[in-house]
């Protein structure tokens, strides 16, 4: 069977691209922000404190109907609500979630401190 020249080029590009995809490094990510968990003292943080570990994944959940902040982003650990992304720092995270972009969050610091704003620090990444 004879294949036209343009078809051969397309086949070569497809084979080459598949090879590149197979050898591609893991997806990159960009650090968007590092923040404390706001409202830790009002939610389930105390109940799960002894189970939390640095490096644990956190879920960020938009609450666009939140009565106090239309840009509210809830911070959860394994289904337990820990608090919120601070209101003064939630605009970018809320926008990225609203756009459907892949956002990841991880605990980077746990500190037993009287001030609840200093207990959990987390980082937020945009997955590329």
Protein backbone atom coordinates (compact mmCIF):
# COMPACT_ATOMS: atom_id res chain seq x y z
CA UNK A 1 0.00 0.00 0.00
CA UNK A 2 1.36 3.39 -1.01
CA UNK A 3 0.97 6.24 1.53
CA UNK A 4 0.98 9.83 0.37
CA UNK A 5 3.84 12.04 1.50
CA UNK A 6 1.65 14.30 3.69
CA UNK A 7 0.15 11.25 5.42
CA UNK A 8 3.67 9.91 6.10
CA UNK A 9 4.60 13.23 7.72
CA UNK A 10 1.50 13.15 9.93
CA UNK A 11 2.24 9.57 10.97
CA UNK A 12 5.85 10.48 11.77
CA UNK A 13 4.71 13.46 13.87
CA UNK A 14 2.20 11.29 15.76
CA UNK A 15 4.81 8.59 16.48
CA UNK A 16 7.35 11.21 17.57
CA UNK A 17 4.80 12.99 19.79
CA UNK A 18 3.75 9.72 21.44
CA UNK A 19 7.38 9.01 22.22
CA UNK A 20 7.78 12.46 23.78
CA UNK A 21 4.66 12.05 25.88
CA UNK A 22 5.81 8.71 27.19
CA UNK A 23 9.18 10.19 28.21
CA UNK A 24 7.77 13.46 29.58
CA UNK A 25 8.58 14.34 33.20
CA UNK A 26 5.79 14.46 35.78
CA UNK A 27 3.52 17.48 35.57
CA UNK A 28 5.03 20.68 36.88
CA UNK A 29 3.40 22.93 39.44
CA UNK A 30 3.67 26.55 40.49
CA UNK A 31 3.49 27.74 44.07
CA UNK A 32 0.60 30.21 44.30
CA UNK A 33 0.79 31.02 48.00
CA UNK A 34 1.64 29.95 51.51
CA UNK A 35 -0.94 30.75 54.19
CA UNK A 36 -2.14 29.89 57.68
CA UNK A 37 -5.51 28.19 58.05
CA UNK A 38 -8.06 30.81 59.10
CA UNK A 39 -10.74 29.87 61.63
CA UNK A 40 -8.94 26.76 62.85
CA UNK A 41 -10.40 27.20 66.35
CA UNK A 42 -14.00 27.07 65.07
CA UNK A 43 -13.89 23.81 63.11
CA UNK A 44 -12.61 20.22 63.37
CA UNK A 45 -8.89 20.94 63.65
CA UNK A 46 -8.61 20.20 67.34
CA UNK A 47 -10.27 16.79 66.94
CA UNK A 48 -7.82 15.65 64.22
CA UNK A 49 -4.70 17.57 65.32
CA UNK A 50 -2.78 14.44 66.43
CA UNK A 51 -3.39 12.79 63.05
CA UNK A 52 -2.16 15.68 60.89
CA UNK A 53 1.31 15.43 59.33
CA UNK A 54 3.52 17.80 57.38
CA UNK A 55 3.13 16.88 53.71
CA UNK A 56 -0.50 15.78 54.05
CA UNK A 57 -2.73 16.74 51.13
CA UNK A 58 -5.53 19.20 51.76
CA UNK A 59 -8.70 19.72 49.74
CA UNK A 60 -9.70 23.25 48.79
CA UNK A 61 -13.44 23.65 48.30
CA UNK A 62 -15.13 26.79 46.94
CA UNK A 63 -18.05 28.24 48.86
CA UNK A 64 -19.41 30.90 46.47
CA UNK A 65 -22.63 31.20 48.48
CA UNK A 66 -20.81 31.82 51.78
CA UNK A 67 -22.70 34.64 53.58
CA UNK A 68 -19.48 36.23 54.89
CA UNK A 69 -17.24 36.02 51.80
CA UNK A 70 -18.22 35.30 48.18
CA UNK A 71 -14.61 34.20 47.51
CA UNK A 72 -14.51 31.77 50.45
CA UNK A 73 -12.38 28.63 50.03
CA UNK A 74 -12.78 25.91 52.65
CA UNK A 75 -9.69 23.89 53.73
CA UNK A 76 -10.33 20.19 54.42
CA UNK A 77 -8.18 17.27 55.51
CA UNK A 78 -9.62 13.83 54.74
CA UNK A 79 -13.15 15.26 54.80
CA UNK A 80 -12.63 17.19 58.05
CA UNK A 81 -13.01 20.94 57.85
CA UNK A 82 -9.96 22.70 59.26
CA UNK A 83 -10.92 26.26 58.35
CA UNK A 84 -10.52 28.60 55.38
CA UNK A 85 -7.97 30.20 53.12
CA UNK A 86 -7.62 33.64 54.77
CA UNK A 87 -10.03 36.19 53.27
CA UNK A 88 -7.22 38.62 52.48
CA UNK A 89 -5.43 35.89 50.48
CA UNK A 90 -8.22 33.88 48.83
CA UNK A 91 -8.85 35.81 45.59
CA UNK A 92 -6.32 33.95 43.42
CA UNK A 93 -7.20 30.52 44.79
CA UNK A 94 -10.94 31.16 44.36
CA UNK A 95 -10.39 32.36 40.78
CA UNK A 96 -8.29 29.31 39.86
CA UNK A 97 -10.91 26.96 41.32
CA UNK A 98 -13.71 28.83 39.53
CA UNK A 99 -11.80 28.47 36.25
CA UNK A 100 -11.56 24.71 36.83
CA UNK A 101 -7.77 24.71 37.12
CA UNK A 102 -6.07 21.97 39.06
CA UNK A 103 -5.09 23.23 42.50
CA UNK A 104 -3.19 21.24 45.13
CA UNK A 105 -2.57 22.09 48.76
CA UNK A 106 -0.27 20.52 51.33
CA UNK A 107 0.51 21.10 55.00
CA UNK A 108 4.00 22.59 55.36
CA UNK A 109 4.08 23.44 59.06
CA UNK A 110 2.29 22.30 62.21
CA UNK A 111 2.93 24.26 65.40
CA UNK A 112 1.37 23.78 68.82
CA UNK A 113 0.68 27.43 69.56
CA UNK A 114 -1.90 29.38 71.56
CA UNK A 115 -2.62 31.54 68.51
CA UNK A 116 -4.80 29.42 66.16
CA UNK A 117 -3.49 31.44 63.17
CA UNK A 118 -0.05 29.93 63.81
CA UNK A 119 -1.05 26.26 64.08
CA UNK A 120 -1.27 25.12 60.45
CA UNK A 121 0.54 26.61 57.50
CA UNK A 122 -0.18 25.27 54.03
CA UNK A 123 1.00 25.85 50.49
CA UNK A 124 -1.19 26.04 47.40
CA UNK A 125 0.07 24.95 43.99
CA UNK A 126 -1.31 25.32 40.48
CA UNK A 127 -0.76 22.09 38.55
CA UNK A 128 0.43 22.71 34.98
